[in-house]
Amino acid sequence: MHDHLIRATAPGIRAFAAVTTKLVEEARRRHDCFPVATAALGRTMTGALLLAANLKTAESLTVRISGNGPLGEIVADAAPDGSVRGYVRNPVVDLPLHNGKLDVGRAVGSGHIHITRFVGLKQPFTGSTALVSGEIAEDITQYLTVSEQTPSSVALGVLIAPDTSTLAAGGFFIQALPDAEEDALIKLETNLRQNPSVSHMVHSGRDAKGILETVFAGLPVNFYDSLDLRFNCQCSRARVQNMLISLGAEELKAMTAEGRAEVCCHFCNEKYQFNTTELAAILKLLQTK
């Protein structure tokens, strides 16, 4: 199943659901994550995509989890076109299972969640709330309730295979609108208590539409166009070269004297290498400006 997101509405409720197995696996592979790091990063990227689906075309957002657990900082950038990138500071954390599950809460620890919205030419806005569990979905739900006064429910899941690859990943995001009917909310809450986890729904073959059909069982639902999702980083050799120029002449001279430089992108782990000749050319370019 390809990664995708779908939008839907029910009486007084709007919802988004996503299948993100392939992009989470690409992030795991790029960063060489251990299982608990894959789960935490995959949940954060999926959550960022679900939140970004509510933005306008020129907007984007960053979700940053700043916990005091062994994983360190977790960051995901997402845009409404379905692109996402992300990293976890310490991807090789290994913890024992907790009640038979990956202990993401302990790996993240206590701290804060920060969500920054980039809205075109306007100043970006950042809101923050304390982490309530470190399990990511509950923390995003709490953020939306406290920081944005939006009654919401977020579910995120990543299922890891015995070989540590990503078996299934996905999530959903539900918001109650001001005109939501009490009966619809009660039915929805009942369904949420009874539904299987979102990662197991994806693993069993449900697509994003199937996830929301399960969540809204017994309620009328309108579905809208599906959006393809992908792991996508904006880094490039040209951007890295501009970054090297910004370091200044002295730093570039030192690199040239060493004979080589390697720059690694935090978000995608792509490595860009520059030899003496290339560094000298960059230095010359800087000096002629």
C-alpha atoms as a PDB file:
ATOM      1  CA  MET A   1       0.000   0.000   0.000  1.00  0.00           C
ATOM      2  CA  HIS A   2       1.391   3.419  -0.925  1.00  0.00           C
ATOM      3  CA  ASP A   3       1.582   6.151   1.707  1.00  0.00           C
ATOM      4  CA  HIS A   4      -1.399   8.472   1.567  1.00  0.00           C
ATOM      5  CA  LEU A   5      -3.688  10.763   3.561  1.00  0.00           C
ATOM      6  CA  ILE A   6      -7.412  11.310   3.264  1.00  0.00           C
ATOM      7  CA  ARG A   7      -9.723  14.023   4.575  1.00  0.00           C
ATOM      8  CA  ALA A   8     -13.276  13.417   5.755  1.00  0.00           C
ATOM      9  CA  THR A   9     -16.172  15.050   7.577  1.00  0.00           C
ATOM     10  CA  ALA A  10     -18.931  13.672   9.772  1.00  0.00           C
ATOM     11  CA  PRO A  11     -21.717  15.703  11.444  1.00  0.00           C
ATOM     12  CA  GLY A  12     -19.846  18.577  13.146  1.00  0.00           C
ATOM     13  CA  ILE A  13     -16.517  16.729  12.937  1.00  0.00           C
ATOM     14  CA  ARG A  14     -13.571  16.858  10.571  1.00  0.00           C
ATOM     15  CA  ALA A  15     -10.957  14.165  10.331  1.00  0.00           C
ATOM     16  CA  PHE A  16      -7.720  13.154   8.638  1.00  0.00           C
ATOM     17  CA  ALA A  17      -6.140   9.716   8.436  1.00  0.00           C
ATOM     18  CA  ALA A  18      -2.810   8.609   7.001  1.00  0.00           C
ATOM     19  CA  VAL A  19      -0.857   5.491   6.126  1.00  0.00           C
ATOM     20  CA  THR A  20       2.864   6.250   6.472  1.00  0.00           C
ATOM     21  CA  THR A  21       4.613   2.864   6.490  1.00  0.00           C
ATOM     22  CA  LYS A  22       7.011   3.514   3.606  1.00  0.00           C
ATOM     23  CA  LEU A  23       8.129   6.988   4.645  1.00  0.00           C
ATOM     24  CA  VAL A  24       8.703   5.843   8.234  1.00  0.00           C
ATOM     25  CA  GLU A  25      10.774   2.956   6.915  1.00  0.00           C
ATOM     26  CA  GLU A  26      12.805   5.365   4.781  1.00  0.00           C
ATOM     27  CA  ALA A  27      13.470   7.527   7.854  1.00  0.00           C
ATOM     28  CA  ARG A  28      14.467   4.410   9.842  1.00  0.00           C
ATOM     29  CA  ARG A  29      16.858   3.343   7.103  1.00  0.00           C
ATOM     30  CA  ARG A  30      18.374   6.796   6.605  1.00  0.00           C
ATOM     31  CA  HIS A  31      19.006   7.327  10.322  1.00  0.00           C
ATOM     32  CA  ASP A  32      19.706   3.664  11.172  1.00  0.00           C
ATOM     33  CA  CYS A  33      17.164   3.805  14.005  1.00  0.00           C
ATOM     34  CA  PHE A  34      16.686   1.196  16.682  1.00  0.00           C
ATOM     35  CA  PRO A  35      13.014   0.145  17.166  1.00  0.00           C
ATOM     36  CA  VAL A  36      12.038   2.598  19.927  1.00  0.00           C
ATOM     37  CA  ALA A  37      13.587   5.472  17.958  1.00  0.00           C
ATOM     38  CA  THR A  38      11.737   4.374  14.803  1.00  0.00           C
ATOM     39  CA  ALA A  39       8.466   4.349  16.733  1.00  0.00           C
ATOM     40  CA  ALA A  40       9.024   7.808  18.226  1.00  0.00           C
ATOM     41  CA  LEU A  41      10.223   9.393  14.989  1.00  0.00           C
ATOM     42  CA  GLY A  42       7.520   7.680  12.922  1.00  0.00           C
ATOM     43  CA  ARG A  43       4.783   8.892  15.246  1.00  0.00           C
ATOM     44  CA  THR A  44       6.153  12.437  15.189  1.00  0.00           C
ATOM     45  CA  MET A  45       6.381  12.560  11.384  1.00  0.00           C
ATOM     46  CA  THR A  46       2.907  11.076  10.990  1.00  0.00           C
ATOM     47  CA  GLY A  47       1.495  13.570  13.493  1.00  0.00           C
ATOM     48  CA  ALA A  48       3.166  16.442  11.649  1.00  0.00           C
ATOM     49  CA  LEU A  49       1.628  15.309   8.341  1.00  0.00           C
ATOM     50  CA  LEU A  50      -1.844  15.095   9.875  1.00  0.00           C
ATOM     51  CA  LEU A  51      -1.543  18.607  11.335  1.00  0.00           C
ATOM     52  CA  ALA A  52      -0.100  19.999   8.088  1.00  0.00           C
ATOM     53  CA  ALA A  53      -3.095  18.684   6.139  1.00  0.00           C
ATOM     54  CA  ASN A  54      -5.081  21.522   7.735  1.00  0.00           C
ATOM     55  CA  LEU A  55      -2.739  24.239   6.400  1.00  0.00           C
ATOM     56  CA  LYS A  56      -2.891  26.391   3.295  1.00  0.00           C
ATOM     57  CA  THR A  57      -0.695  25.642   0.282  1.00  0.00           C
ATOM     58  CA  ALA A  58       2.169  28.034   1.092  1.00  0.00           C
ATOM     59  CA  GLU A  59       2.308  27.095   4.775  1.00  0.00           C
ATOM     60  CA  SER A  60       4.234  24.422   6.684  1.00  0.00           C
ATOM     61  CA  LEU A  61       4.922  23.364  10.248  1.00  0.00           C
ATOM     62  CA  THR A  62       7.527  21.845  12.505  1.00  0.00           C
ATOM     63  CA  VAL A  63       6.811  19.521  15.424  1.00  0.00           C
ATOM     64  CA  ARG A  64       9.648  19.397  17.955  1.00  0.00           C
ATOM     65  CA  ILE A  65       9.631  17.041  20.923  1.00  0.00           C
ATOM     66  CA  SER A  66      12.110  18.190  23.572  1.00  0.00           C
ATOM     67  CA  GLY A  67      12.281  15.454  26.195  1.00  0.00           C
ATOM     68  CA  ASN A  68      14.909  14.566  28.784  1.00  0.00           C
ATOM     69  CA  GLY A  69      14.861  10.871  27.833  1.00  0.00           C
ATOM     70  CA  PRO A  70      17.689   9.072  26.008  1.00  0.00           C
ATOM     71  CA  LEU A  71      16.278   9.806  22.532  1.00  0.00           C
ATOM     72  CA  GLY A  72      16.908  13.529  22.921  1.00  0.00           C
ATOM     73  CA  GLU A  73      15.171  15.932  20.562  1.00  0.00           C
ATOM     74  CA  ILE A  74      12.800  14.660  17.861  1.00  0.00           C
ATOM     75  CA  VAL A  75      11.964  16.986  14.966  1.00  0.00           C
ATOM     76  CA  ALA A  76       9.638  16.666  11.981  1.00  0.00           C
ATOM     77  CA  ASP A  77       8.888  19.199   9.228  1.00  0.00           C
ATOM     78  CA  ALA A  78       5.731  18.726   7.166  1.00  0.00           C
ATOM     79  CA  ALA A  79       3.864  20.591   4.434  1.00  0.00           C
ATOM     80  CA  PRO A  80       0.291  20.322   3.095  1.00  0.00           C
ATOM     81  CA  ASP A  81       1.625  18.859  -0.174  1.00  0.00           C
ATOM     82  CA  GLY A  82       2.300  15.591   1.678  1.00  0.00           C
ATOM     83  CA  SER A  83       6.061  15.960   2.149  1.00  0.00           C
ATOM     84  CA  VAL A  84       7.769  15.317   5.474  1.00  0.00           C
ATOM     85  CA  ARG A  85      11.265  14.944   6.862  1.00  0.00           C
ATOM     86  CA  GLY A  86      12.523  14.292  10.367  1.00  0.00           C
ATOM     87  CA  TYR A  87      15.245  13.103  12.690  1.00  0.00           C
ATOM     88  CA  VAL A  88      15.805  11.900  16.227  1.00  0.00           C
ATOM     89  CA  ARG A  89      18.919  13.102  18.041  1.00  0.00           C
ATOM     90  CA  ASN A  90      19.956   9.667  19.364  1.00  0.00           C
ATOM     91  CA  PRO A  91      18.614   6.971  17.017  1.00  0.00           C
ATOM     92  CA  VAL A  92      20.432   3.998  18.596  1.00  0.00           C
ATOM     93  CA  VAL A  93      18.601   3.949  21.931  1.00  0.00           C
ATOM     94  CA  ASP A  94      17.676   0.462  23.135  1.00  0.00           C
ATOM     95  CA  LEU A  95      15.215  -0.019  26.026  1.00  0.00           C
ATOM     96  CA  PRO A  96      13.413  -3.094  27.379  1.00  0.00           C
ATOM     97  CA  LEU A  97       9.766  -3.506  26.437  1.00  0.00           C
ATOM     98  CA  HIS A  98       7.107  -2.116  28.771  1.00  0.00           C
ATOM     99  CA  ASN A  99       4.009  -4.346  29.063  1.00  0.00           C
ATOM    100  CA  GLY A 100       5.076  -6.020  25.837  1.00  0.00           C
ATOM    101  CA  LYS A 101       5.321  -2.722  23.902  1.00  0.00           C
ATOM    102  CA  LEU A 102       8.071  -0.346  22.879  1.00  0.00           C
ATOM    103  CA  ASP A 103       8.607   2.099  25.748  1.00  0.00           C
ATOM    104  CA  VAL A 104       8.388   5.321  23.743  1.00  0.00           C
ATOM    105  CA  GLY A 105       7.266   7.327  26.776  1.00  0.00           C
ATOM    106  CA  ARG A 106      10.398   6.464  28.744  1.00  0.00           C
ATOM    107  CA  ALA A 107      12.617   6.977  25.704  1.00  0.00           C
ATOM    108  CA  VAL A 108      11.189  10.478  25.194  1.00  0.00           C
ATOM    109  CA  GLY A 109      10.965  11.412  28.897  1.00  0.00           C
ATOM    110  CA  SER A 110       9.434  14.593  30.278  1.00  0.00           C
ATOM    111  CA  GLY A 111       9.747  17.978  28.654  1.00  0.00           C
ATOM    112  CA  HIS A 112       7.774  19.956  26.091  1.00  0.00           C
ATOM    113  CA  ILE A 113       6.228  19.749  22.647  1.00  0.00           C
ATOM    114  CA  HIS A 114       6.702  22.772  20.396  1.00  0.00           C
ATOM    115  CA  ILE A 115       4.704  23.292  17.200  1.00  0.00           C
ATOM    116  CA  THR A 116       5.764  26.068  14.843  1.00  0.00           C
ATOM    117  CA  ARG A 117       3.537  27.193  11.977  1.00  0.00           C
ATOM    118  CA  PHE A 118       5.183  28.953   9.048  1.00  0.00           C
ATOM    119  CA  VAL A 119       2.593  31.127   7.318  1.00  0.00           C
ATOM    120  CA  GLY A 120       4.153  32.610   4.225  1.00  0.00           C
ATOM    121  CA  LEU A 121       5.609  36.088   4.674  1.00  0.00           C
ATOM    122  CA  LYS A 122       4.246  36.493   8.191  1.00  0.00           C
ATOM    123  CA  GLN A 123       6.280  35.755  11.303  1.00  0.00           C
ATOM    124  CA  PRO A 124       6.131  32.052  12.270  1.00  0.00           C
ATOM    125  CA  PHE A 125       4.096  31.218  15.367  1.00  0.00           C
ATOM    126  CA  THR A 126       5.306  28.704  17.966  1.00  0.00           C
ATOM    127  CA  GLY A 127       3.132  27.215  20.694  1.00  0.00           C
ATOM    128  CA  SER A 128       4.362  24.911  23.456  1.00  0.00           C
ATOM    129  CA  THR A 129       2.892  22.682  26.127  1.00  0.00           C
ATOM    130  CA  ALA A 130       4.379  20.219  28.605  1.00  0.00           C
ATOM    131  CA  LEU A 131       4.545  16.581  27.539  1.00  0.00           C
ATOM    132  CA  VAL A 132       1.902  14.489  29.281  1.00  0.00           C
ATOM    133  CA  SER A 133       3.248  11.020  28.479  1.00  0.00           C
ATOM    134  CA  GLY A 134       5.999  11.174  25.864  1.00  0.00           C
ATOM    135  CA  GLU A 135       3.912   8.835  23.704  1.00  0.00           C
ATOM    136  CA  ILE A 136       3.553  11.621  21.079  1.00  0.00           C
ATOM    137  CA  ALA A 137      -0.153  11.200  20.172  1.00  0.00           C
ATOM    138  CA  GLU A 138      -1.342  12.140  23.677  1.00  0.00           C
ATOM    139  CA  ASP A 139       1.100  15.028  23.715  1.00  0.00           C
ATOM    140  CA  ILE A 140      -0.194  16.440  20.406  1.00  0.00           C
ATOM    141  CA  THR A 141      -3.780  16.019  21.644  1.00  0.00           C
ATOM    142  CA  GLN A 142      -2.904  17.912  24.821  1.00  0.00           C
ATOM    143  CA  TYR A 143      -1.207  20.653  22.810  1.00  0.00           C
ATOM    144  CA  LEU A 144      -4.281  21.152  20.628  1.00  0.00           C
ATOM    145  CA  THR A 145      -6.565  21.242  23.666  1.00  0.00           C
ATOM    146  CA  VAL A 146      -4.456  23.636  25.763  1.00  0.00           C
ATOM    147  CA  SER A 147      -2.603  25.816  23.259  1.00  0.00           C
ATOM    148  CA  GLU A 148      -5.234  26.063  20.521  1.00  0.00           C
ATOM    149  CA  GLN A 149      -8.428  25.330  22.522  1.00  0.00           C
ATOM    150  CA  THR A 150      -9.405  22.740  19.937  1.00  0.00           C
ATOM    151  CA  PRO A 151     -11.139  19.558  21.195  1.00  0.00           C
ATOM    152  CA  SER A 152      -9.256  16.860  19.318  1.00  0.00           C
ATOM    153  CA  SER A 153      -8.240  13.226  19.315  1.00  0.00           C
ATOM    154  CA  VAL A 154      -4.966  12.043  17.784  1.00  0.00           C
ATOM    155  CA  ALA A 155      -3.890   8.419  17.372  1.00  0.00           C
ATOM    156  CA  LEU A 156      -0.478   7.417  16.025  1.00  0.00           C
ATOM    157  CA  GLY A 157       1.144   4.045  15.670  1.00  0.00           C
ATOM    158  CA  VAL A 158       4.246   2.303  14.332  1.00  0.00           C
ATOM    159  CA  LEU A 159       4.549  -1.480  14.240  1.00  0.00           C
ATOM    160  CA  ILE A 160       8.072  -2.894  14.052  1.00  0.00           C
ATOM    161  CA  ALA A 161       8.950  -6.208  12.384  1.00  0.00           C
ATOM    162  CA  PRO A 162      11.292  -8.776  14.025  1.00  0.00           C
ATOM    163  CA  ASP A 163      14.084  -7.625  11.666  1.00  0.00           C
ATOM    164  CA  THR A 164      13.565  -4.038  13.031  1.00  0.00           C
ATOM    165  CA  SER A 165      12.071  -2.740   9.747  1.00  0.00           C
ATOM    166  CA  THR A 166       8.759  -0.863   9.734  1.00  0.00           C
ATOM    167  CA  LEU A 167       5.842  -3.260   9.383  1.00  0.00           C
ATOM    168  CA  ALA A 168       3.029  -0.694   9.524  1.00  0.00           C
ATOM    169  CA  ALA A 169       2.592   2.960  10.426  1.00  0.00           C
ATOM    170  CA  GLY A 170      -0.209   5.479  10.359  1.00  0.00           C
ATOM    171  CA  GLY A 171      -2.500   7.690  12.346  1.00  0.00           C
ATOM    172  CA  PHE A 172      -5.634   9.800  12.479  1.00  0.00           C
ATOM    173  CA  PHE A 173      -6.581  13.261  13.708  1.00  0.00           C
ATOM    174  CA  ILE A 174     -10.148  14.188  14.626  1.00  0.00           C
ATOM    175  CA  GLN A 175     -11.486  17.640  15.515  1.00  0.00           C
ATOM    176  CA  ALA A 176     -14.896  18.512  16.912  1.00  0.00           C
ATOM    177  CA  LEU A 177     -16.332  21.664  15.336  1.00  0.00           C
ATOM    178  CA  PRO A 178     -18.558  24.143  17.217  1.00  0.00           C
ATOM    179  CA  ASP A 179     -21.707  22.654  15.658  1.00  0.00           C
ATOM    180  CA  ALA A 180     -20.860  19.045  16.592  1.00  0.00           C
ATOM    181  CA  GLU A 181     -23.883  17.062  17.718  1.00  0.00           C
ATOM    182  CA  GLU A 182     -23.722  15.424  21.164  1.00  0.00           C
ATOM    183  CA  ASP A 183     -25.008  12.084  19.857  1.00  0.00           C
ATOM    184  CA  ALA A 184     -22.293  11.984  17.180  1.00  0.00           C
ATOM    185  CA  LEU A 185     -19.576  12.735  19.734  1.00  0.00           C
ATOM    186  CA  ILE A 186     -20.846  10.022  22.086  1.00  0.00           C
ATOM    187  CA  LYS A 187     -20.877   7.478  19.227  1.00  0.00           C
ATOM    188  CA  LEU A 188     -17.378   8.548  18.190  1.00  0.00           C
ATOM    189  CA  GLU A 189     -16.020   8.212  21.745  1.00  0.00           C
ATOM    190  CA  THR A 190     -17.529   4.734  21.995  1.00  0.00           C
ATOM    191  CA  ASN A 191     -15.876   3.708  18.726  1.00  0.00           C
ATOM    192  CA  LEU A 192     -12.506   5.082  19.808  1.00  0.00           C
ATOM    193  CA  ARG A 193     -12.578   2.998  22.986  1.00  0.00           C
ATOM    194  CA  GLN A 194     -13.409  -0.169  21.063  1.00  0.00           C
ATOM    195  CA  ASN A 195     -11.231   0.224  17.949  1.00  0.00           C
ATOM    196  CA  PRO A 196      -7.950  -1.670  17.500  1.00  0.00           C
ATOM    197  CA  SER A 197      -4.735   0.363  17.451  1.00  0.00           C
ATOM    198  CA  VAL A 198      -4.115   2.348  14.295  1.00  0.00           C
ATOM    199  CA  SER A 199      -0.890   0.452  13.503  1.00  0.00           C
ATOM    200  CA  HIS A 200      -2.778  -2.851  13.653  1.00  0.00           C
ATOM    201  CA  MET A 201      -5.502  -1.425  11.407  1.00  0.00           C
ATOM    202  CA  VAL A 202      -2.834  -0.552   8.824  1.00  0.00           C
ATOM    203  CA  HIS A 203      -1.152  -3.944   9.245  1.00  0.00           C
ATOM    204  CA  SER A 204      -4.476  -5.692   8.687  1.00  0.00           C
ATOM    205  CA  GLY A 205      -4.803  -3.951   5.315  1.00  0.00           C
ATOM    206  CA  ARG A 206      -6.957  -0.921   6.020  1.00  0.00           C
ATOM    207  CA  ASP A 207      -6.108   2.152   3.980  1.00  0.00           C
ATOM    208  CA  ALA A 208      -6.681   5.685   5.292  1.00  0.00           C
ATOM    209  CA  LYS A 209     -10.340   5.594   4.245  1.00  0.00           C
ATOM    210  CA  GLY A 210     -10.777   2.228   5.949  1.00  0.00           C
ATOM    211  CA  ILE A 211      -9.288   3.620   9.176  1.00  0.00           C
ATOM    212  CA  LEU A 212     -11.836   6.448   9.251  1.00  0.00           C
ATOM    213  CA  GLU A 213     -14.681   4.098   8.306  1.00  0.00           C
ATOM    214  CA  THR A 214     -13.765   2.090  11.407  1.00  0.00           C
ATOM    215  CA  VAL A 215     -13.484   5.198  13.589  1.00  0.00           C
ATOM    216  CA  PHE A 216     -16.817   6.611  12.359  1.00  0.00           C
ATOM    217  CA  ALA A 217     -18.730   3.321  12.247  1.00  0.00           C
ATOM    218  CA  GLY A 218     -22.437   4.076  12.540  1.00  0.00           C
ATOM    219  CA  LEU A 219     -22.044   7.718  11.471  1.00  0.00           C
ATOM    220  CA  PRO A 220     -22.472   9.301   8.020  1.00  0.00           C
ATOM    221  CA  VAL A 221     -19.074  10.272   6.580  1.00  0.00           C
ATOM    222  CA  ASN A 222     -18.067  12.282   3.528  1.00  0.00           C
ATOM    223  CA  PHE A 223     -14.639  11.515   2.067  1.00  0.00           C
ATOM    224  CA  TYR A 224     -12.529  13.857  -0.051  1.00  0.00           C
ATOM    225  CA  ASP A 225      -9.507  13.492  -2.317  1.00  0.00           C
ATOM    226  CA  SER A 226      -6.574  11.356  -1.225  1.00  0.00           C
ATOM    227  CA  LEU A 227      -3.088  12.900  -0.996  1.00  0.00           C
ATOM    228  CA  ASP A 228       0.133  10.981  -1.646  1.00  0.00           C
ATOM    229  CA  LEU A 229       2.717  11.223   1.154  1.00  0.00           C
ATOM    230  CA  ARG A 230       6.509  10.984   0.940  1.00  0.00           C
ATOM    231  CA  PHE A 231       9.720  11.504   2.872  1.00  0.00           C
ATOM    232  CA  ASN A 232      11.320  14.513   1.205  1.00  0.00           C
ATOM    233  CA  CYS A 233      14.253  16.674   2.304  1.00  0.00           C
ATOM    234  CA  GLN A 234      15.023  20.072   0.772  1.00  0.00           C
ATOM    235  CA  CYS A 235      18.785  19.734   1.209  1.00  0.00           C
ATOM    236  CA  SER A 236      21.005  19.767  -1.902  1.00  0.00           C
ATOM    237  CA  ARG A 237      24.656  20.185  -2.806  1.00  0.00           C
ATOM    238  CA  ALA A 238      23.966  23.773  -3.880  1.00  0.00           C
ATOM    239  CA  ARG A 239      22.367  24.610  -0.509  1.00  0.00           C
ATOM    240  CA  VAL A 240      25.262  23.030   1.364  1.00  0.00           C
ATOM    241  CA  GLN A 241      27.703  25.055  -0.755  1.00  0.00           C
ATOM    242  CA  ASN A 242      25.840  28.256   0.197  1.00  0.00           C
ATOM    243  CA  MET A 243      26.059  27.195   3.832  1.00  0.00           C
ATOM    244  CA  LEU A 244      29.831  26.746   3.506  1.00  0.00           C
ATOM    245  CA  ILE A 245      30.107  30.230   1.980  1.00  0.00           C
ATOM    246  CA  SER A 246      28.222  31.645   4.967  1.00  0.00           C
ATOM    247  CA  LEU A 247      30.928  30.264   7.301  1.00  0.00           C
ATOM    248  CA  GLY A 248      33.349  32.886   6.028  1.00  0.00           C
ATOM    249  CA  ALA A 249      36.805  32.939   4.465  1.00  0.00           C
ATOM    250  CA  GLU A 250      38.818  31.863   7.513  1.00  0.00           C
ATOM    251  CA  GLU A 251      36.751  28.736   8.100  1.00  0.00           C
ATOM    252  CA  LEU A 252      36.906  27.832   4.411  1.00  0.00           C
ATOM    253  CA  LYS A 253      40.698  28.310   4.383  1.00  0.00           C
ATOM    254  CA  ALA A 254      40.997  25.920   7.334  1.00  0.00           C
ATOM    255  CA  MET A 255      38.861  23.333   5.550  1.00  0.00           C
ATOM    256  CA  THR A 256      40.900  23.713   2.370  1.00  0.00           C
ATOM    257  CA  ALA A 257      44.106  23.177   4.356  1.00  0.00           C
ATOM    258  CA  GLU A 258      42.667  19.967   5.786  1.00  0.00           C
ATOM    259  CA  GLY A 259      42.007  18.766   2.232  1.00  0.00           C
ATOM    260  CA  ARG A 260      38.350  17.816   2.582  1.00  0.00           C
ATOM    261  CA  ALA A 261      35.041  18.610   4.248  1.00  0.00           C
ATOM    262  CA  GLU A 262      31.945  16.537   4.883  1.00  0.00           C
ATOM    263  CA  VAL A 263      28.545  17.998   5.732  1.00  0.00           C
ATOM    264  CA  CYS A 264      25.738  15.731   6.930  1.00  0.00           C
ATOM    265  CA  CYS A 265      22.082  16.810   6.817  1.00  0.00           C
ATOM    266  CA  HIS A 266      20.335  16.273  10.159  1.00  0.00           C
ATOM    267  CA  PHE A 267      16.992  15.594   8.521  1.00  0.00           C
ATOM    268  CA  CYS A 268      17.876  12.954   5.924  1.00  0.00           C
ATOM    269  CA  ASN A 269      21.430  11.917   6.892  1.00  0.00           C
ATOM    270  CA  GLU A 270      22.635  12.631   3.344  1.00  0.00           C
ATOM    271  CA  LYS A 271      26.378  13.295   3.314  1.00  0.00           C
ATOM    272  CA  TYR A 272      27.962  15.908   1.042  1.00  0.00           C
ATOM    273  CA  GLN A 273      31.729  15.698   0.535  1.00  0.00           C
ATOM    274  CA  PHE A 274      33.979  18.432  -0.844  1.00  0.00           C
ATOM    275  CA  ASN A 275      37.631  17.922  -1.851  1.00  0.00           C
ATOM    276  CA  THR A 276      40.442  20.497  -1.841  1.00  0.00           C
ATOM    277  CA  THR A 277      39.736  21.681  -5.382  1.00  0.00           C
ATOM    278  CA  GLU A 278      36.032  22.173  -4.671  1.00  0.00           C
ATOM    279  CA  LEU A 279      36.717  24.002  -1.395  1.00  0.00           C
ATOM    280  CA  ALA A 280      39.220  26.266  -3.115  1.00  0.00           C
ATOM    281  CA  ALA A 281      36.616  27.101  -5.760  1.00  0.00           C
ATOM    282  CA  ILE A 282      34.048  27.929  -3.080  1.00  0.00           C
ATOM    283  CA  LEU A 283      36.596  30.148  -1.313  1.00  0.00           C
ATOM    284  CA  LYS A 284      37.364  31.936  -4.587  1.00  0.00           C
ATOM    285  CA  LEU A 285      33.646  32.452  -5.166  1.00  0.00           C
ATOM    286  CA  LEU A 286      33.330  34.017  -1.715  1.00  0.00           C
ATOM    287  CA  GLN A 287      36.316  36.308  -2.263  1.00  0.00           C
ATOM    288  CA  THR A 288      34.992  37.581  -5.590  1.00  0.00           C
ATOM    289  CA  LYS A 289      31.632  38.594  -4.118  1.00  0.00           C
END
